[in-house]
Every structure is written in C-alpha cells, then in structure tokens.
Amino acid sequence: MSGTQGRSLADLKDMLAAQQTQAPAQAPDGPALVEQPRREPKRDALGRSYATGRRKDAVARVWIKPGRGEISINGKQAAQYFARPVLRMLITQPFLVADRYNQFDVYCTVDGGGLSGQAGAVRHGISRALSHYEPDLRGILKVAGFLTRDSRVVERKKYGKVKARRSFQFSKR
C-alpha cells in the first residue's frame, strides 16, 4: 500500500499503459514464452460477481452488478453508513482507477473492526469483485495496490507489559 501513496490516477494509468506496451522479450535461441490463458469472468445466475474483502478485523462480502452506481452497505446507503468523506472516497477508488464510476451497483455486508477497517475491507472486496467481473481490469487494480490484502493488524498485548510494548513505570526506589 505504501508504494501507491503520492500517485495520482493518471500516473497509475500511465504505468499500466507502459506495462502493456512492453511485449515480453523472446530469446533469439530460446523457446517462445508461453502466453497465459485468458481469464474467464466469474458471474452467478443473476449476473453478479462476488468477492470477500478483508482489512484488520473487518470482513466484507461484496456483490457487484451493472447499474447506476448505488452502493448499499448493510442495508444502508454508503453516505449514511460511512459518514466521513474520506471513507466514502476510499470505497470508490477502485471504480475511479478502472474508469467504471457509476457503472456498477454494489451490495455488501460488512462486520468486525471499526469504520476505517470496514472501509478498507469494502474497497478490497470491490476490487476483487471487479477483477472477477472484468478480468481485464486486474492489471490496473493490481498496479494500484487494491488487490493486495493489507495485513497490518493490532499487535497483541504481552504479559508483563501495560500494552503490547509499553512497560510499567520504572521506580528507582
């Protein structure tokens, strides 16, 4: 995640375009590189794609389908569930990077953790669901760092300590 800080959407799109234009080099004497098989979209009978997103202790189950851009989280609209604009911006980032803003409806259930962790889990789930729905978007979402699960979690408390690392106050006498 730290590699994407300070980059704009245009920078990410330029990086993806540069990756796609660089054809895999073939050795003059060596065998030709094997081309990867084309990924098939994963959709259910209703035309939706499903993915699970995780961040800290939060788990989000996300379904996306073509629509008008409505985002429903635990039965509430995104603006009602995530009151802070930063959290709403976080969950729309995958659509902005993929140029699919207001083209998909999102229905998700999320539980565990706090609001920040839940927003990160929803973003991760939306990114994975988008890559299942349109496998061609996987490259740009991967470059942006949205498909990688952020594994940072709270460190556990150790015995003999006040918190995870904080010691008791030292007394000389």
N, C-alpha and C. Protein backbone atom coordinates (compact mmCIF):
# COMPACT_ATOMS: atom_id res chain seq x y z
N MET A 1 0.81 -1.18 0.00
CA MET A 1 0.00 0.00 0.00
C MET A 1 0.86 1.25 0.00
N SER A 2 2.01 1.21 0.68
CA SER A 2 2.82 2.40 0.78
C SER A 2 3.40 2.79 -0.57
N GLY A 3 3.50 1.87 -1.52
CA GLY A 3 4.04 2.20 -2.82
C GLY A 3 3.11 3.05 -3.66
N THR A 4 1.81 3.08 -3.33
CA THR A 4 0.86 3.83 -4.12
C THR A 4 0.59 5.21 -3.57
N GLN A 5 1.17 5.54 -2.41
CA GLN A 5 0.92 6.85 -1.83
C GLN A 5 1.63 7.90 -2.66
N GLY A 6 0.94 9.01 -2.91
CA GLY A 6 1.53 10.09 -3.66
C GLY A 6 1.38 9.94 -5.16
N ARG A 7 0.71 8.91 -5.62
CA ARG A 7 0.48 8.73 -7.05
C ARG A 7 -0.93 9.16 -7.38
N SER A 8 -1.09 9.75 -8.56
CA SER A 8 -2.42 10.14 -8.99
C SER A 8 -2.97 9.05 -9.89
N LEU A 9 -4.25 9.17 -10.23
CA LEU A 9 -4.88 8.18 -11.11
C LEU A 9 -4.21 8.19 -12.48
N ALA A 10 -3.82 9.36 -12.95
CA ALA A 10 -3.16 9.45 -14.25
C ALA A 10 -1.83 8.71 -14.23
N ASP A 11 -1.08 8.83 -13.13
CA ASP A 11 0.20 8.12 -13.02
C ASP A 11 -0.01 6.61 -13.08
N LEU A 12 -1.05 6.13 -12.38
CA LEU A 12 -1.32 4.68 -12.39
C LEU A 12 -1.72 4.20 -13.78
N LYS A 13 -2.50 5.00 -14.48
CA LYS A 13 -2.90 4.61 -15.84
C LYS A 13 -1.71 4.62 -16.78
N ASP A 14 -0.81 5.58 -16.61
CA ASP A 14 0.40 5.63 -17.44
C ASP A 14 1.27 4.40 -17.18
N MET A 15 1.39 3.99 -15.92
CA MET A 15 2.19 2.81 -15.59
C MET A 15 1.60 1.56 -16.23
N LEU A 16 0.27 1.43 -16.20
CA LEU A 16 -0.37 0.27 -16.80
C LEU A 16 -0.18 0.26 -18.31
N ALA A 17 -0.32 1.43 -18.94
CA ALA A 17 -0.13 1.52 -20.38
C ALA A 17 1.30 1.14 -20.77
N ALA A 18 2.26 1.56 -19.96
CA ALA A 18 3.66 1.22 -20.23
C ALA A 18 3.89 -0.28 -20.09
N GLN A 19 3.24 -0.90 -19.09
CA GLN A 19 3.39 -2.34 -18.93
C GLN A 19 2.80 -3.11 -20.10
N GLN A 20 1.67 -2.63 -20.62
CA GLN A 20 1.01 -3.34 -21.71
C GLN A 20 1.74 -3.18 -23.02
N THR A 21 2.44 -2.03 -23.21
CA THR A 21 3.15 -1.82 -24.47
C THR A 21 4.45 -2.60 -24.53
N GLN A 22 5.03 -2.92 -23.38
CA GLN A 22 6.27 -3.68 -23.38
C GLN A 22 5.94 -5.15 -23.62
N ALA A 23 6.23 -5.62 -24.82
CA ALA A 23 5.98 -7.02 -25.15
C ALA A 23 7.02 -7.88 -24.46
N PRO A 24 6.66 -9.09 -24.05
CA PRO A 24 7.64 -9.95 -23.41
C PRO A 24 8.77 -10.29 -24.39
N ALA A 25 9.98 -10.10 -23.92
CA ALA A 25 11.15 -10.34 -24.77
C ALA A 25 11.33 -11.84 -25.00
N GLN A 26 11.65 -12.19 -26.25
CA GLN A 26 11.88 -13.58 -26.60
C GLN A 26 13.36 -13.76 -26.93
N ALA A 27 13.93 -14.74 -26.31
CA ALA A 27 15.34 -15.01 -26.57
C ALA A 27 15.49 -15.50 -28.01
N PRO A 28 16.55 -15.05 -28.72
CA PRO A 28 16.71 -15.47 -30.13
C PRO A 28 16.88 -16.97 -30.27
N ASP A 29 17.58 -17.61 -29.33
CA ASP A 29 17.80 -19.06 -29.44
C ASP A 29 16.84 -19.84 -28.58
N GLY A 30 16.25 -19.19 -27.58
CA GLY A 30 15.42 -19.88 -26.60
C GLY A 30 14.00 -20.11 -27.10
N PRO A 31 13.26 -20.88 -26.32
CA PRO A 31 11.87 -21.16 -26.70
C PRO A 31 10.99 -19.92 -26.50
N ALA A 32 9.90 -19.89 -27.24
CA ALA A 32 8.96 -18.78 -27.11
C ALA A 32 8.28 -18.85 -25.74
N LEU A 33 8.02 -17.69 -25.17
CA LEU A 33 7.34 -17.66 -23.88
C LEU A 33 5.90 -18.10 -24.04
N VAL A 34 5.42 -18.87 -23.08
CA VAL A 34 4.05 -19.37 -23.13
C VAL A 34 3.11 -18.25 -22.73
N GLU A 35 2.11 -18.00 -23.55
CA GLU A 35 1.15 -16.96 -23.24
C GLU A 35 0.14 -17.48 -22.21
N GLN A 36 -0.20 -16.62 -21.25
CA GLN A 36 -1.14 -17.01 -20.21
C GLN A 36 -2.53 -17.17 -20.79
N PRO A 37 -3.27 -18.17 -20.31
CA PRO A 37 -4.64 -18.33 -20.82
C PRO A 37 -5.51 -17.15 -20.37
N ARG A 38 -6.45 -16.80 -21.20
CA ARG A 38 -7.34 -15.68 -20.89
C ARG A 38 -8.26 -16.06 -19.74
N ARG A 39 -8.38 -15.17 -18.76
CA ARG A 39 -9.25 -15.42 -17.62
C ARG A 39 -10.70 -15.24 -18.03
N GLU A 40 -11.54 -16.10 -17.49
CA GLU A 40 -12.97 -16.02 -17.76
C GLU A 40 -13.65 -15.24 -16.64
N PRO A 41 -14.67 -14.44 -16.96
CA PRO A 41 -15.40 -13.73 -15.90
C PRO A 41 -16.12 -14.72 -14.99
N LYS A 42 -16.20 -14.39 -13.70
CA LYS A 42 -16.91 -15.22 -12.73
C LYS A 42 -18.17 -14.48 -12.34
N ARG A 43 -19.32 -14.96 -12.84
CA ARG A 43 -20.60 -14.33 -12.54
C ARG A 43 -21.61 -15.41 -12.18
N ASP A 44 -22.56 -15.04 -11.29
CA ASP A 44 -23.59 -16.00 -10.91
C ASP A 44 -24.77 -15.91 -11.88
N ALA A 45 -25.86 -16.64 -11.58
CA ALA A 45 -27.02 -16.69 -12.46
C ALA A 45 -27.69 -15.32 -12.60
N LEU A 46 -27.52 -14.44 -11.63
CA LEU A 46 -28.13 -13.11 -11.68
C LEU A 46 -27.22 -12.07 -12.31
N GLY A 47 -26.06 -12.48 -12.81
CA GLY A 47 -25.12 -11.56 -13.46
C GLY A 47 -24.27 -10.77 -12.49
N ARG A 48 -24.14 -11.26 -11.26
CA ARG A 48 -23.34 -10.56 -10.24
C ARG A 48 -22.01 -11.27 -10.06
N SER A 49 -21.03 -10.51 -9.59
CA SER A 49 -19.76 -11.10 -9.18
C SER A 49 -19.62 -10.91 -7.68
N TYR A 50 -19.05 -11.92 -7.02
CA TYR A 50 -18.91 -11.91 -5.57
C TYR A 50 -17.44 -11.95 -5.20
N ALA A 51 -17.10 -11.26 -4.13
CA ALA A 51 -15.74 -11.34 -3.58
C ALA A 51 -15.78 -10.98 -2.10
N THR A 52 -14.78 -11.46 -1.39
CA THR A 52 -14.62 -11.16 0.02
C THR A 52 -13.43 -10.24 0.20
N GLY A 53 -13.62 -9.17 0.96
CA GLY A 53 -12.53 -8.24 1.25
C GLY A 53 -12.23 -8.25 2.74
N ARG A 54 -10.96 -8.09 3.08
CA ARG A 54 -10.57 -8.10 4.50
C ARG A 54 -9.60 -6.96 4.78
N ARG A 55 -9.72 -6.40 6.00
CA ARG A 55 -8.79 -5.37 6.47
C ARG A 55 -8.90 -5.34 7.98
N LYS A 56 -7.77 -5.43 8.68
CA LYS A 56 -7.73 -5.53 10.13
C LYS A 56 -8.65 -6.66 10.58
N ASP A 57 -9.66 -6.37 11.40
CA ASP A 57 -10.58 -7.42 11.84
C ASP A 57 -11.89 -7.39 11.06
N ALA A 58 -11.99 -6.56 10.04
CA ALA A 58 -13.24 -6.41 9.29
C ALA A 58 -13.27 -7.36 8.10
N VAL A 59 -14.44 -7.91 7.84
CA VAL A 59 -14.66 -8.79 6.69
C VAL A 59 -15.86 -8.27 5.93
N ALA A 60 -15.70 -8.06 4.62
CA ALA A 60 -16.79 -7.56 3.78
C ALA A 60 -17.10 -8.59 2.70
N ARG A 61 -18.38 -8.90 2.56
CA ARG A 61 -18.86 -9.76 1.47
C ARG A 61 -19.51 -8.84 0.46
N VAL A 62 -18.97 -8.81 -0.77
CA VAL A 62 -19.35 -7.80 -1.76
C VAL A 62 -19.89 -8.46 -3.02
N TRP A 63 -21.05 -7.96 -3.48
CA TRP A 63 -21.61 -8.37 -4.76
C TRP A 63 -21.71 -7.12 -5.63
N ILE A 64 -21.28 -7.23 -6.90
CA ILE A 64 -21.42 -6.11 -7.83
C ILE A 64 -22.16 -6.59 -9.06
N LYS A 65 -22.93 -5.67 -9.66
CA LYS A 65 -23.63 -5.94 -10.91
C LYS A 65 -23.76 -4.62 -11.66
N PRO A 66 -23.93 -4.65 -12.96
CA PRO A 66 -24.08 -3.40 -13.71
C PRO A 66 -25.29 -2.62 -13.20
N GLY A 67 -25.14 -1.32 -13.10
CA GLY A 67 -26.23 -0.50 -12.59
C GLY A 67 -25.89 0.98 -12.66
N ARG A 68 -26.47 1.74 -11.74
CA ARG A 68 -26.34 3.20 -11.75
C ARG A 68 -25.34 3.73 -10.74
N GLY A 69 -24.60 2.88 -10.08
CA GLY A 69 -23.59 3.33 -9.14
C GLY A 69 -24.07 3.41 -7.71
N GLU A 70 -25.13 2.72 -7.36
CA GLU A 70 -25.64 2.73 -6.00
C GLU A 70 -24.82 1.77 -5.13
N ILE A 71 -24.42 2.23 -3.97
CA ILE A 71 -23.64 1.41 -3.05
C ILE A 71 -24.44 1.22 -1.78
N SER A 72 -24.75 -0.03 -1.45
CA SER A 72 -25.53 -0.36 -0.26
C SER A 72 -24.65 -1.19 0.67
N ILE A 73 -24.51 -0.72 1.91
CA ILE A 73 -23.67 -1.41 2.90
C ILE A 73 -24.54 -1.73 4.10
N ASN A 74 -24.70 -3.00 4.38
CA ASN A 74 -25.54 -3.47 5.49
C ASN A 74 -26.94 -2.85 5.42
N GLY A 75 -27.49 -2.73 4.23
CA GLY A 75 -28.83 -2.20 4.04
C GLY A 75 -28.94 -0.69 4.06
N LYS A 76 -27.82 0.03 4.22
CA LYS A 76 -27.82 1.49 4.23
C LYS A 76 -27.04 2.01 3.04
N GLN A 77 -27.34 3.23 2.63
CA GLN A 77 -26.57 3.87 1.57
C GLN A 77 -25.17 4.18 2.09
N ALA A 78 -24.21 4.25 1.17
CA ALA A 78 -22.81 4.48 1.56
C ALA A 78 -22.64 5.79 2.32
N ALA A 79 -23.34 6.85 1.90
CA ALA A 79 -23.21 8.14 2.57
C ALA A 79 -23.75 8.09 4.00
N GLN A 80 -24.72 7.22 4.22
CA GLN A 80 -25.29 7.09 5.56
C GLN A 80 -24.42 6.21 6.44
N TYR A 81 -23.86 5.13 5.87
CA TYR A 81 -23.06 4.19 6.66
C TYR A 81 -21.69 4.77 6.97
N PHE A 82 -21.01 5.29 5.93
CA PHE A 82 -19.70 5.92 6.11
C PHE A 82 -19.92 7.44 6.06
N ALA A 83 -20.05 8.07 7.21
CA ALA A 83 -20.34 9.50 7.28
C ALA A 83 -19.15 10.35 6.86
N ARG A 84 -17.93 9.88 7.11
CA ARG A 84 -16.74 10.66 6.77
C ARG A 84 -16.47 10.60 5.26
N PRO A 85 -16.21 11.73 4.62
CA PRO A 85 -15.95 11.73 3.18
C PRO A 85 -14.72 10.90 2.79
N VAL A 86 -13.74 10.83 3.67
CA VAL A 86 -12.52 10.07 3.37
C VAL A 86 -12.85 8.59 3.18
N LEU A 87 -13.73 8.07 4.01
CA LEU A 87 -14.10 6.66 3.91
C LEU A 87 -14.92 6.40 2.64
N ARG A 88 -15.79 7.35 2.27
CA ARG A 88 -16.55 7.19 1.02
C ARG A 88 -15.62 7.26 -0.19
N MET A 89 -14.61 8.14 -0.12
CA MET A 89 -13.65 8.23 -1.20
C MET A 89 -12.86 6.92 -1.33
N LEU A 90 -12.55 6.32 -0.18
CA LEU A 90 -11.78 5.07 -0.17
C LEU A 90 -12.52 3.96 -0.91
N ILE A 91 -13.83 3.84 -0.70
CA ILE A 91 -14.55 2.73 -1.32
C ILE A 91 -14.85 2.97 -2.80
N THR A 92 -14.74 4.21 -3.28
CA THR A 92 -14.97 4.46 -4.71
C THR A 92 -13.68 4.44 -5.53
N GLN A 93 -12.53 4.36 -4.87
CA GLN A 93 -11.25 4.37 -5.59
C GLN A 93 -11.13 3.29 -6.67
N PRO A 94 -11.52 2.04 -6.42
CA PRO A 94 -11.38 1.03 -7.49
C PRO A 94 -12.15 1.39 -8.76
N PHE A 95 -13.34 1.99 -8.60
CA PHE A 95 -14.12 2.38 -9.77
C PHE A 95 -13.46 3.53 -10.52
N LEU A 96 -12.87 4.48 -9.79
CA LEU A 96 -12.20 5.62 -10.43
C LEU A 96 -10.97 5.17 -11.20
N VAL A 97 -10.18 4.29 -10.60
CA VAL A 97 -8.97 3.80 -11.26
C VAL A 97 -9.32 3.01 -12.52
N ALA A 98 -10.40 2.23 -12.46
CA ALA A 98 -10.79 1.38 -13.59
C ALA A 98 -11.70 2.09 -14.59
N ASP A 99 -11.98 3.38 -14.39
CA ASP A 99 -12.91 4.14 -15.25
C ASP A 99 -14.28 3.48 -15.32
N ARG A 100 -14.78 3.03 -14.19
CA ARG A 100 -16.10 2.39 -14.13
C ARG A 100 -16.99 3.08 -13.09
N TYR A 101 -16.75 4.35 -12.84
CA TYR A 101 -17.51 5.08 -11.82
C TYR A 101 -18.97 5.20 -12.24
N ASN A 102 -19.88 4.91 -11.33
CA ASN A 102 -21.34 4.93 -11.54
C ASN A 102 -21.80 3.96 -12.62
N GLN A 103 -21.07 2.87 -12.83
CA GLN A 103 -21.49 1.85 -13.79
C GLN A 103 -21.89 0.55 -13.11
N PHE A 104 -21.59 0.41 -11.81
CA PHE A 104 -21.91 -0.82 -11.09
C PHE A 104 -22.65 -0.50 -9.81
N ASP A 105 -23.63 -1.33 -9.50
CA ASP A 105 -24.29 -1.28 -8.19
C ASP A 105 -23.55 -2.23 -7.27
N VAL A 106 -23.37 -1.82 -6.02
CA VAL A 106 -22.65 -2.61 -5.04
C VAL A 106 -23.58 -2.93 -3.88
N TYR A 107 -23.67 -4.19 -3.53
CA TYR A 107 -24.38 -4.62 -2.33
C TYR A 107 -23.38 -5.36 -1.47
N CYS A 108 -23.20 -4.94 -0.23
CA CYS A 108 -22.24 -5.64 0.61
C CYS A 108 -22.70 -5.68 2.05
N THR A 109 -22.23 -6.70 2.74
CA THR A 109 -22.40 -6.82 4.18
C THR A 109 -21.01 -6.83 4.77
N VAL A 110 -20.85 -6.09 5.86
CA VAL A 110 -19.53 -5.98 6.48
C VAL A 110 -19.72 -6.03 7.99
N ASP A 111 -18.81 -6.73 8.65
CA ASP A 111 -18.85 -6.78 10.11
C ASP A 111 -17.45 -6.94 10.64
N GLY A 112 -17.29 -6.62 11.92
CA GLY A 112 -15.99 -6.71 12.56
C GLY A 112 -15.21 -5.43 12.39
N GLY A 113 -14.34 -5.14 13.35
CA GLY A 113 -13.48 -3.98 13.26
C GLY A 113 -14.21 -2.68 13.42
N GLY A 114 -13.53 -1.59 13.09
CA GLY A 114 -14.11 -0.26 13.15
C GLY A 114 -14.43 0.24 11.76
N LEU A 115 -14.86 1.49 11.66
CA LEU A 115 -15.27 2.03 10.37
C LEU A 115 -14.13 2.10 9.37
N SER A 116 -12.93 2.46 9.82
CA SER A 116 -11.80 2.55 8.91
C SER A 116 -11.43 1.18 8.34
N GLY A 117 -11.40 0.17 9.20
CA GLY A 117 -11.12 -1.18 8.74
C GLY A 117 -12.21 -1.70 7.83
N GLN A 118 -13.46 -1.35 8.12
CA GLN A 118 -14.57 -1.79 7.28
C GLN A 118 -14.50 -1.14 5.91
N ALA A 119 -14.13 0.14 5.85
CA ALA A 119 -14.00 0.80 4.55
C ALA A 119 -12.88 0.16 3.73
N GLY A 120 -11.78 -0.18 4.38
CA GLY A 120 -10.69 -0.87 3.67
C GLY A 120 -11.11 -2.24 3.19
N ALA A 121 -11.92 -2.94 3.99
CA ALA A 121 -12.40 -4.27 3.59
C ALA A 121 -13.35 -4.16 2.41
N VAL A 122 -14.22 -3.14 2.41
CA VAL A 122 -15.14 -2.94 1.29
C VAL A 122 -14.36 -2.61 0.03
N ARG A 123 -13.33 -1.76 0.13
CA ARG A 123 -12.51 -1.43 -1.04
C ARG A 123 -11.83 -2.67 -1.60
N HIS A 124 -11.28 -3.49 -0.71
CA HIS A 124 -10.62 -4.72 -1.14
C HIS A 124 -11.63 -5.65 -1.82
N GLY A 125 -12.84 -5.78 -1.25
CA GLY A 125 -13.86 -6.63 -1.84
C GLY A 125 -14.34 -6.12 -3.18
N ILE A 126 -14.54 -4.80 -3.30
CA ILE A 126 -14.97 -4.23 -4.58
C ILE A 126 -13.91 -4.47 -5.65
N SER A 127 -12.65 -4.30 -5.29
CA SER A 127 -11.56 -4.51 -6.25
C SER A 127 -11.53 -5.95 -6.73
N ARG A 128 -11.66 -6.89 -5.81
CA ARG A 128 -11.65 -8.30 -6.19
C ARG A 128 -12.87 -8.66 -7.03
N ALA A 129 -14.04 -8.12 -6.66
CA ALA A 129 -15.25 -8.41 -7.43
C ALA A 129 -15.16 -7.82 -8.84
N LEU A 130 -14.58 -6.62 -8.95
CA LEU A 130 -14.38 -6.02 -10.28
C LEU A 130 -13.46 -6.88 -11.14
N SER A 131 -12.40 -7.40 -10.54
CA SER A 131 -11.49 -8.24 -11.31
C SER A 131 -12.13 -9.58 -11.68
N HIS A 132 -13.10 -10.04 -10.88
CA HIS A 132 -13.85 -11.24 -11.27
C HIS A 132 -14.83 -10.94 -12.39
N TYR A 133 -15.46 -9.76 -12.34
CA TYR A 133 -16.46 -9.41 -13.34
C TYR A 133 -15.81 -9.10 -14.68
N GLU A 134 -14.73 -8.31 -14.65
CA GLU A 134 -13.97 -7.97 -15.86
C GLU A 134 -12.50 -8.31 -15.62
N PRO A 135 -12.06 -9.50 -16.01
CA PRO A 135 -10.68 -9.91 -15.74
C PRO A 135 -9.63 -8.99 -16.36
N ASP A 136 -9.99 -8.22 -17.39
CA ASP A 136 -9.03 -7.31 -18.00
C ASP A 136 -8.64 -6.16 -17.06
N LEU A 137 -9.47 -5.89 -16.05
CA LEU A 137 -9.17 -4.81 -15.10
C LEU A 137 -8.17 -5.22 -14.04
N ARG A 138 -7.85 -6.50 -13.99
CA ARG A 138 -6.96 -7.00 -12.94
C ARG A 138 -5.61 -6.28 -12.94
N GLY A 139 -5.07 -5.99 -14.10
CA GLY A 139 -3.75 -5.35 -14.19
C GLY A 139 -3.72 -3.98 -13.55
N ILE A 140 -4.69 -3.14 -13.88
CA ILE A 140 -4.67 -1.78 -13.34
C ILE A 140 -5.00 -1.78 -11.85
N LEU A 141 -5.87 -2.69 -11.41
CA LEU A 141 -6.17 -2.76 -9.97
C LEU A 141 -4.97 -3.29 -9.20
N LYS A 142 -4.22 -4.20 -9.81
CA LYS A 142 -3.03 -4.75 -9.17
C LYS A 142 -1.95 -3.68 -9.05
N VAL A 143 -1.75 -2.90 -10.12
CA VAL A 143 -0.74 -1.84 -10.10
C VAL A 143 -1.10 -0.80 -9.04
N ALA A 144 -2.39 -0.51 -8.89
CA ALA A 144 -2.83 0.47 -7.89
C ALA A 144 -2.72 -0.07 -6.47
N GLY A 145 -2.55 -1.40 -6.31
CA GLY A 145 -2.39 -1.99 -4.99
C GLY A 145 -3.68 -2.34 -4.30
N PHE A 146 -4.79 -2.38 -5.04
CA PHE A 146 -6.09 -2.63 -4.44
C PHE A 146 -6.39 -4.11 -4.26
N LEU A 147 -5.68 -4.99 -4.94
CA LEU A 147 -5.95 -6.42 -4.82
C LEU A 147 -5.14 -7.08 -3.71
N THR A 148 -4.20 -6.34 -3.14
CA THR A 148 -3.37 -6.87 -2.07
C THR A 148 -4.05 -6.63 -0.73
N ARG A 149 -4.17 -7.68 0.06
CA ARG A 149 -4.79 -7.55 1.37
C ARG A 149 -3.80 -6.86 2.29
N ASP A 150 -4.23 -5.79 2.93
CA ASP A 150 -3.38 -5.06 3.86
C ASP A 150 -3.33 -5.88 5.16
N SER A 151 -2.20 -6.49 5.43
CA SER A 151 -2.10 -7.46 6.52
C SER A 151 -1.77 -6.84 7.87
N ARG A 152 -1.69 -5.52 7.94
CA ARG A 152 -1.36 -4.90 9.22
C ARG A 152 -2.53 -5.04 10.19
N VAL A 153 -2.26 -5.59 11.36
CA VAL A 153 -3.28 -5.74 12.40
C VAL A 153 -2.70 -5.25 13.72
N VAL A 154 -3.57 -5.10 14.70
CA VAL A 154 -3.14 -4.62 16.02
C VAL A 154 -2.30 -5.70 16.69
N GLU A 155 -1.17 -5.28 17.26
CA GLU A 155 -0.29 -6.21 17.94
C GLU A 155 -0.90 -6.63 19.27
N ARG A 156 -0.72 -7.88 19.63
CA ARG A 156 -1.35 -8.37 20.86
C ARG A 156 -0.61 -7.90 22.09
N LYS A 157 -1.31 -7.85 23.21
CA LYS A 157 -0.72 -7.45 24.48
C LYS A 157 0.10 -8.61 25.03
N LYS A 158 1.30 -8.30 25.55
CA LYS A 158 2.15 -9.33 26.15
C LYS A 158 2.05 -9.25 27.67
N TYR A 159 2.26 -10.40 28.30
CA TYR A 159 2.25 -10.41 29.76
C TYR A 159 3.47 -9.66 30.27
N GLY A 160 3.34 -9.02 31.43
CA GLY A 160 4.42 -8.22 31.99
C GLY A 160 4.51 -6.84 31.39
N LYS A 161 3.58 -6.48 30.51
CA LYS A 161 3.56 -5.16 29.87
C LYS A 161 2.19 -4.53 30.10
N VAL A 162 2.16 -3.19 30.03
CA VAL A 162 0.89 -2.48 30.15
C VAL A 162 0.06 -2.68 28.89
N LYS A 163 0.71 -2.52 27.73
CA LYS A 163 0.05 -2.74 26.43
C LYS A 163 0.96 -3.68 25.64
N ALA A 164 0.93 -3.59 24.34
CA ALA A 164 1.73 -4.50 23.53
C ALA A 164 3.22 -4.33 23.80
N ARG A 165 3.67 -3.08 23.92
CA ARG A 165 5.10 -2.83 24.14
C ARG A 165 5.38 -1.92 25.32
N ARG A 166 4.39 -1.20 25.79
CA ARG A 166 4.57 -0.24 26.87
C ARG A 166 4.84 -0.96 28.18
N SER A 167 5.95 -0.57 28.82
CA SER A 167 6.31 -1.17 30.11
C SER A 167 5.67 -0.40 31.26
N PHE A 168 5.66 -1.04 32.42
CA PHE A 168 5.22 -0.34 33.61
C PHE A 168 6.23 0.73 33.95
N GLN A 169 5.79 1.76 34.68
CA GLN A 169 6.68 2.86 35.03
C GLN A 169 7.79 2.36 35.94
N PHE A 170 9.02 2.76 35.59
CA PHE A 170 10.19 2.32 36.37
C PHE A 170 10.29 3.14 37.64
N SER A 171 10.58 2.48 38.75
CA SER A 171 10.78 3.18 40.02
C SER A 171 12.16 2.82 40.55
N LYS A 172 13.00 3.82 40.72
CA LYS A 172 14.36 3.55 41.18
C LYS A 172 14.37 3.15 42.66
N ARG A 173 13.47 3.70 43.45
CA ARG A 173 13.40 3.36 44.88
C ARG A 173 11.99 3.00 45.27
